[in-house]
C-alpha atoms as a PDB file:
ATOM      1  CA  MET A   1      59.316 -20.587 -61.351  1.00  0.00           C
ATOM      2  CA  ALA A   2      58.150 -16.810 -62.463  1.00  0.00           C
ATOM      3  CA  ASN A   3      61.323 -14.307 -63.228  1.00  0.00           C
ATOM      4  CA  PRO A   4      61.161 -11.987 -61.653  1.00  0.00           C
ATOM      5  CA  PRO A   5      58.891 -13.747 -59.032  1.00  0.00           C
ATOM      6  CA  PRO A   6      55.706 -12.131 -57.878  1.00  0.00           C
ATOM      7  CA  PRO A   7      54.542  -9.821 -56.470  1.00  0.00           C
ATOM      8  CA  TYR A   8      55.129  -7.250 -59.352  1.00  0.00           C
ATOM      9  CA  ASP A   9      55.223  -3.810 -59.232  1.00  0.00           C
ATOM     10  CA  ASN A  10      53.595  -1.230 -61.929  1.00  0.00           C
ATOM     11  CA  ILE A  11      51.516  -3.623 -63.895  1.00  0.00           C
ATOM     12  CA  THR A  12      49.176  -1.150 -66.242  1.00  0.00           C
ATOM     13  CA  GLY A  13      47.704  -1.308 -69.492  1.00  0.00           C
ATOM     14  CA  ILE A  14      46.537  -4.503 -71.162  1.00  0.00           C
ATOM     15  CA  SER A  15      47.249  -8.203 -71.227  1.00  0.00           C
ATOM     16  CA  ARG A  16      47.262 -10.276 -74.142  1.00  0.00           C
ATOM     17  CA  ALA A  17      46.980 -14.284 -73.689  1.00  0.00           C
ATOM     18  CA  VAL A  18      49.575 -15.998 -75.404  1.00  0.00           C
ATOM     19  CA  MET A  19      48.792 -19.860 -76.626  1.00  0.00           C
ATOM     20  CA  LYS A  20      51.409 -22.638 -75.072  1.00  0.00           C
ATOM     21  CA  ASP A  21      50.860 -25.844 -73.734  1.00  0.00           C
ATOM     22  CA  ASN A  22      52.201 -27.235 -70.592  1.00  0.00           C
ATOM     23  CA  ALA A  23      51.333 -30.568 -69.939  1.00  0.00           C
ATOM     24  CA  GLN A  24      53.237 -31.469 -66.542  1.00  0.00           C
ATOM     25  CA  GLU A  25      51.922 -28.080 -65.069  1.00  0.00           C
ATOM     26  CA  THR A  26      48.889 -28.311 -63.194  1.00  0.00           C
ATOM     27  CA  ILE A  27      46.575 -25.602 -61.752  1.00  0.00           C
ATOM     28  CA  GLY A  28      48.122 -26.227 -58.060  1.00  0.00           C
ATOM     29  CA  ASP A  29      51.555 -25.845 -59.485  1.00  0.00           C
ATOM     30  CA  TYR A  30      51.294 -22.866 -61.232  1.00  0.00           C
ATOM     31  CA  ASN A  31      49.083 -21.205 -58.691  1.00  0.00           C
ATOM     32  CA  GLY A  32      51.366 -18.597 -56.515  1.00  0.00           C
ATOM     33  CA  VAL A  33      53.777 -18.327 -59.982  1.00  0.00           C
ATOM     34  CA  ALA A  34      51.308 -16.899 -62.432  1.00  0.00           C
ATOM     35  CA  ARG A  35      52.058 -13.746 -64.354  1.00  0.00           C
ATOM     36  CA  PRO A  36      49.312 -10.661 -63.893  1.00  0.00           C
ATOM     37  CA  SER A  37      46.271 -11.279 -65.943  1.00  0.00           C
ATOM     38  CA  GLU A  38      47.394 -14.021 -67.703  1.00  0.00           C
ATOM     39  CA  LEU A  39      44.802 -16.519 -68.893  1.00  0.00           C
ATOM     40  CA  VAL A  40      45.362 -20.212 -67.711  1.00  0.00           C
ATOM     41  CA  VAL A  41      43.259 -22.947 -68.843  1.00  0.00           C
ATOM     42  CA  ASP A  42      42.858 -26.226 -67.326  1.00  0.00           C
ATOM     43  CA  GLN A  43      43.376 -28.985 -70.234  1.00  0.00           C
ATOM     44  CA  LEU A  44      41.269 -31.102 -68.234  1.00  0.00           C
ATOM     45  CA  THR A  45      38.372 -29.401 -67.024  1.00  0.00           C
ATOM     46  CA  GLN A  46      38.611 -26.257 -69.458  1.00  0.00           C
ATOM     47  CA  ASP A  47      37.623 -24.025 -65.813  1.00  0.00           C
ATOM     48  CA  ILE A  48      39.949 -20.906 -67.114  1.00  0.00           C
ATOM     49  CA  TYR A  49      41.729 -18.617 -64.097  1.00  0.00           C
ATOM     50  CA  VAL A  50      43.308 -15.107 -64.666  1.00  0.00           C
ATOM     51  CA  GLY A  51      47.021 -14.670 -62.355  1.00  0.00           C
ATOM     52  CA  ASN A  52      47.088 -11.210 -60.281  1.00  0.00           C
ATOM     53  CA  THR A  53      50.008  -9.404 -59.089  1.00  0.00           C
ATOM     54  CA  ASN A  54      50.763 -11.668 -56.581  1.00  0.00           C
ATOM     55  CA  GLY A  55      50.601 -14.678 -59.083  1.00  0.00           C
ATOM     56  CA  ASN A  56      47.547 -16.225 -57.462  1.00  0.00           C
ATOM     57  CA  LEU A  57      45.231 -17.885 -60.104  1.00  0.00           C
ATOM     58  CA  THR A  58      41.576 -16.936 -59.735  1.00  0.00           C
ATOM     59  CA  LEU A  59      38.929 -18.780 -61.169  1.00  0.00           C
ATOM     60  CA  VAL A  60      36.765 -16.968 -63.432  1.00  0.00           C
ATOM     61  CA  ALA A  61      34.869 -19.283 -65.679  1.00  0.00           C
ATOM     62  CA  TYR A  62      33.824 -22.743 -65.665  1.00  0.00           C
ATOM     63  CA  GLY A  63      34.524 -25.251 -68.743  1.00  0.00           C
ATOM     64  CA  ALA A  64      32.990 -28.416 -69.892  1.00  0.00           C
ATOM     65  CA  GLY A  65      34.294 -29.951 -66.648  1.00  0.00           C
ATOM     66  CA  VAL A  66      32.468 -33.524 -65.823  1.00  0.00           C
ATOM     67  CA  THR A  67      28.854 -33.354 -67.318  1.00  0.00           C
ATOM     68  CA  ASN A  68      28.362 -37.329 -67.820  1.00  0.00           C
ATOM     69  CA  SER A  69      25.246 -38.452 -65.893  1.00  0.00           C
ATOM     70  CA  VAL A  70      26.722 -40.429 -63.101  1.00  0.00           C
ATOM     71  CA  SER A  71      24.093 -43.193 -61.502  1.00  0.00           C
ATOM     72  CA  PHE A  72      24.412 -43.022 -57.305  1.00  0.00           C
ATOM     73  CA  ASP A  73      22.089 -45.133 -54.786  1.00  0.00           C
ATOM     74  CA  PRO A  74      19.879 -42.017 -53.161  1.00  0.00           C
ATOM     75  CA  GLN A  75      19.250 -44.585 -50.117  1.00  0.00           C
ATOM     76  CA  PHE A  76      15.205 -43.432 -50.085  1.00  0.00           C
ATOM     77  CA  ARG A  77      14.182 -44.926 -46.569  1.00  0.00           C
ATOM     78  CA  ASP A  78      12.333 -43.381 -43.873  1.00  0.00           C
ATOM     79  CA  VAL A  79      14.982 -42.466 -40.686  1.00  0.00           C
ATOM     80  CA  ALA A  80      13.749 -45.455 -38.492  1.00  0.00           C
ATOM     81  CA  ASN A  81      15.428 -47.529 -41.459  1.00  0.00           C
ATOM     82  CA  THR A  82      11.967 -49.436 -41.691  1.00  0.00           C
ATOM     83  CA  PHE A  83      11.078 -48.872 -45.484  1.00  0.00           C
ATOM     84  CA  ALA A  84      11.185 -51.858 -47.791  1.00  0.00           C
ATOM     85  CA  GLY A  85      10.944 -52.597 -51.179  1.00  0.00           C
ATOM     86  CA  GLY A  86       9.880 -50.087 -54.334  1.00  0.00           C
ATOM     87  CA  THR A  87      12.706 -49.130 -56.262  1.00  0.00           C
ATOM     88  CA  ALA A  88      14.958 -46.222 -56.213  1.00  0.00           C
ATOM     89  CA  THR A  89      17.167 -44.659 -58.249  1.00  0.00           C
ATOM     90  CA  ALA A  90      19.121 -41.488 -59.096  1.00  0.00           C
ATOM     91  CA  SER A  91      21.610 -39.765 -61.113  1.00  0.00           C
ATOM     92  CA  TYR A  92      23.697 -36.660 -60.840  1.00  0.00           C
ATOM     93  CA  ILE A  93      25.675 -34.079 -63.045  1.00  0.00           C
ATOM     94  CA  ILE A  94      28.661 -32.127 -61.710  1.00  0.00           C
ATOM     95  CA  GLN A  95      29.423 -28.392 -63.422  1.00  0.00           C
ATOM     96  CA  GLY A  96      32.025 -26.502 -61.006  1.00  0.00           C
ATOM     97  CA  PRO A  97      30.419 -26.199 -57.528  1.00  0.00           C
ATOM     98  CA  LEU A  98      26.945 -26.950 -58.707  1.00  0.00           C
ATOM     99  CA  CYS A  99      25.808 -30.165 -58.153  1.00  0.00           C
ATOM    100  CA  PHE A 100      22.396 -31.350 -60.079  1.00  0.00           C
ATOM    101  CA  ILE A 101      20.481 -34.608 -59.040  1.00  0.00           C
ATOM    102  CA  HIS A 102      17.667 -36.259 -59.870  1.00  0.00           C
ATOM    103  CA  VAL A 103      15.926 -39.260 -58.012  1.00  0.00           C
ATOM    104  CA  TYR A 104      12.778 -41.394 -58.729  1.00  0.00           C
ATOM    105  CA  VAL A 105      11.326 -43.794 -56.341  1.00  0.00           C
ATOM    106  CA  ASP A 106       8.767 -46.480 -57.654  1.00  0.00           C
ATOM    107  CA  PHE A 107       6.495 -47.508 -55.033  1.00  0.00           C
ATOM    108  CA  ASN A 108       5.397 -50.522 -56.708  1.00  0.00           C
ATOM    109  CA  GLY A 109       6.067 -53.260 -54.811  1.00  0.00           C
ATOM    110  CA  ALA A 110       6.788 -51.775 -51.345  1.00  0.00           C
ATOM    111  CA  THR A 111       6.675 -54.075 -48.666  1.00  0.00           C
ATOM    112  CA  ASN A 112       6.841 -51.901 -45.645  1.00  0.00           C
ATOM    113  CA  PHE A 113       6.162 -48.251 -45.926  1.00  0.00           C
ATOM    114  CA  GLY A 114       8.270 -47.455 -42.596  1.00  0.00           C
ATOM    115  CA  ASN A 115       6.804 -45.136 -39.818  1.00  0.00           C
ATOM    116  CA  THR A 116       9.062 -41.976 -40.252  1.00  0.00           C
ATOM    117  CA  GLN A 117       9.540 -39.110 -42.077  1.00  0.00           C
ATOM    118  CA  TYR A 118      11.532 -39.924 -45.032  1.00  0.00           C
ATOM    119  CA  GLN A 119      15.066 -38.678 -46.572  1.00  0.00           C
ATOM    120  CA  VAL A 120      17.439 -39.365 -49.326  1.00  0.00           C
ATOM    121  CA  THR A 121      21.295 -39.367 -48.887  1.00  0.00           C
ATOM    122  CA  LEU A 122      23.356 -36.687 -51.492  1.00  0.00           C
ATOM    123  CA  PRO A 123      25.849 -38.007 -53.927  1.00  0.00           C
ATOM    124  CA  VAL A 124      28.005 -35.256 -52.394  1.00  0.00           C
ATOM    125  CA  PRO A 125      28.543 -33.509 -49.467  1.00  0.00           C
ATOM    126  CA  ALA A 126      26.942 -29.945 -49.587  1.00  0.00           C
ATOM    127  CA  VAL A 127      28.935 -26.718 -48.769  1.00  0.00           C
ATOM    128  CA  ASN A 128      26.089 -25.334 -46.633  1.00  0.00           C
ATOM    129  CA  THR A 129      22.416 -25.438 -46.057  1.00  0.00           C
ATOM    130  CA  PHE A 130      19.747 -25.190 -48.419  1.00  0.00           C
ATOM    131  CA  ARG A 131      16.177 -26.403 -49.521  1.00  0.00           C
ATOM    132  CA  LEU A 132      15.690 -28.445 -52.793  1.00  0.00           C
ATOM    133  CA  ALA A 133      11.904 -27.598 -53.614  1.00  0.00           C
ATOM    134  CA  GLY A 134      11.750 -29.362 -57.168  1.00  0.00           C
ATOM    135  CA  GLY A 135       9.998 -32.529 -55.779  1.00  0.00           C
ATOM    136  CA  SER A 136       6.520 -34.178 -56.483  1.00  0.00           C
ATOM    137  CA  LEU A 137       4.388 -37.076 -55.721  1.00  0.00           C
ATOM    138  CA  HIS A 138       2.730 -38.300 -57.810  1.00  0.00           C
ATOM    139  CA  GLN A 139      -0.675 -40.466 -56.452  1.00  0.00           C
ATOM    140  CA  THR A 140      -1.947 -43.094 -59.290  1.00  0.00           C
ATOM    141  CA  ALA A 141      -4.288 -44.866 -57.625  1.00  0.00           C
ATOM    142  CA  GLY A 142      -6.388 -44.575 -53.717  1.00  0.00           C
ATOM    143  CA  ALA A 143      -8.450 -42.179 -52.265  1.00  0.00           C
ATOM    144  CA  GLY A 144      -8.273 -38.601 -54.130  1.00  0.00           C
ATOM    145  CA  ALA A 145      -5.904 -40.159 -57.390  1.00  0.00           C
ATOM    146  CA  PRO A 146      -4.739 -39.493 -59.495  1.00  0.00           C
ATOM    147  CA  ALA A 147      -3.534 -36.614 -56.876  1.00  0.00           C
ATOM    148  CA  LEU A 148      -0.129 -34.820 -57.326  1.00  0.00           C
ATOM    149  CA  TYR A 149       1.920 -33.315 -53.731  1.00  0.00           C
ATOM    150  CA  HIS A 150       4.845 -30.794 -53.454  1.00  0.00           C
ATOM    151  CA  ILE A 151       7.926 -32.058 -51.945  1.00  0.00           C
ATOM    152  CA  ALA A 152      10.895 -30.442 -51.047  1.00  0.00           C
ATOM    153  CA  GLY A 153      13.751 -31.536 -48.932  1.00  0.00           C
ATOM    154  CA  ILE A 154      16.141 -29.185 -46.700  1.00  0.00           C
ATOM    155  CA  CYS A 155      19.812 -29.951 -45.904  1.00  0.00           C
ATOM    156  CA  ASP A 156      20.799 -28.257 -42.407  1.00  0.00           C
ATOM    157  CA  ILE A 157      24.782 -28.914 -42.320  1.00  0.00           C
ATOM    158  CA  ALA A 158      24.336 -28.493 -38.661  1.00  0.00           C
ATOM    159  CA  VAL A 159      22.754 -32.397 -38.744  1.00  0.00           C
ATOM    160  CA  SER A 160      24.712 -33.470 -41.832  1.00  0.00           C
ATOM    161  CA  ASN A 161      25.300 -32.252 -45.158  1.00  0.00           C
ATOM    162  CA  VAL A 162      24.571 -35.361 -47.003  1.00  0.00           C
ATOM    163  CA  LEU A 163      21.141 -36.160 -45.663  1.00  0.00           C
ATOM    164  CA  LEU A 164      18.196 -34.342 -47.143  1.00  0.00           C
ATOM    165  CA  PRO A 165      15.004 -34.928 -45.075  1.00  0.00           C
ATOM    166  CA  LEU A 166      12.025 -34.870 -47.097  1.00  0.00           C
ATOM    167  CA  TYR A 167       8.964 -33.023 -46.265  1.00  0.00           C
ATOM    168  CA  TYR A 168       5.450 -31.822 -48.031  1.00  0.00           C
ATOM    169  CA  SER A 169       3.634 -28.278 -48.222  1.00  0.00           C
ATOM    170  CA  GLY A 170       1.634 -27.737 -45.428  1.00  0.00           C
ATOM    171  CA  THR A 171      -0.813 -24.412 -44.879  1.00  0.00           C
ATOM    172  CA  VAL A 172       2.004 -22.439 -42.338  1.00  0.00           C
ATOM    173  CA  THR A 173       4.898 -24.333 -42.629  1.00  0.00           C
ATOM    174  CA  ASP A 174       6.200 -27.823 -44.785  1.00  0.00           C
ATOM    175  CA  LEU A 175       5.671 -31.089 -42.864  1.00  0.00           C
ATOM    176  CA  ASN A 176       7.332 -34.107 -42.649  1.00  0.00           C
ATOM    177  CA  TRP A 177       6.450 -36.551 -45.307  1.00  0.00           C
ATOM    178  CA  LYS A 178       5.959 -39.848 -44.147  1.00  0.00           C
ATOM    179  CA  PHE A 179       3.696 -43.375 -44.261  1.00  0.00           C
ATOM    180  CA  ASN A 180       0.532 -41.869 -43.414  1.00  0.00           C
ATOM    181  CA  THR A 181       0.743 -38.317 -45.289  1.00  0.00           C
ATOM    182  CA  PRO A 182      -0.281 -36.393 -47.070  1.00  0.00           C
ATOM    183  CA  GLY A 183      -3.359 -37.273 -47.926  1.00  0.00           C
ATOM    184  CA  ASN A 184      -3.770 -39.685 -44.850  1.00  0.00           C
ATOM    185  CA  GLY A 185      -1.493 -42.052 -46.880  1.00  0.00           C
ATOM    186  CA  ASN A 186      -3.548 -42.968 -49.889  1.00  0.00           C
ATOM    187  CA  TRP A 187      -0.896 -42.766 -52.315  1.00  0.00           C
ATOM    188  CA  GLN A 188       0.408 -45.823 -50.908  1.00  0.00           C
ATOM    189  CA  SER A 189      -1.850 -47.934 -53.259  1.00  0.00           C
ATOM    190  CA  GLY A 190      -0.196 -46.383 -56.187  1.00  0.00           C
ATOM    191  CA  ALA A 191       2.440 -43.794 -56.668  1.00  0.00           C
ATOM    192  CA  HIS A 192       6.031 -42.742 -57.885  1.00  0.00           C
ATOM    193  CA  PHE A 193       8.142 -40.084 -56.456  1.00  0.00           C
ATOM    194  CA  ASP A 194      10.743 -37.614 -58.776  1.00  0.00           C
ATOM    195  CA  LEU A 195      13.551 -34.752 -57.213  1.00  0.00           C
ATOM    196  CA  SER A 196      15.270 -32.444 -59.006  1.00  0.00           C
ATOM    197  CA  GLY A 197      17.322 -30.067 -58.376  1.00  0.00           C
ATOM    198  CA  THR A 198      21.002 -28.147 -58.164  1.00  0.00           C
ATOM    199  CA  TYR A 199      22.652 -27.150 -54.747  1.00  0.00           C
ATOM    200  CA  GLN A 200      26.322 -25.648 -54.186  1.00  0.00           C
ATOM    201  CA  ILE A 201      29.160 -28.529 -52.822  1.00  0.00           C
ATOM    202  CA  THR A 202      32.987 -27.931 -52.188  1.00  0.00           C
ATOM    203  CA  ILE A 203      35.522 -27.733 -54.804  1.00  0.00           C
END
């Protein structure tokens, strides 16, 4: 407990950081009793906080955090959930309020390409609506091969904060990516899909 307790008055000049470990104190416990301009480091994430005159902690820098890549099931499918076969793998890394994902789908062995728009499921809910534009469909066989198609995902949190419907670039607007588009579905003869990007999450 701060002595005297906040709020503090007449705080001017400078503050110096003094090293003091407190292994049993959490950021949540210390929030509200910190001293003005006191630097506080979370030992688990190395996130850095600064105390204000009310004793509250303000996050000013993200540390190492959890940066290991974690695998997840992207649940690649069409809206009607009839897509079958193929191989979908994905991973994510969380850095502070940001989540970086990579999704890979190999269509080799697909037995049913579905009949509606494709989508993936995010590993962590999004905090706001966003567009993830770092996707590409690589057609390796069939009419027109080799060909590359730009694929983007749009997460509309008014609909869902974890579903990412997939689109390809059209001349006027993005169009639904599904079994027979783009390229009249010729990509079904041989293709793989990559999607990478970062979005904001709630922490």
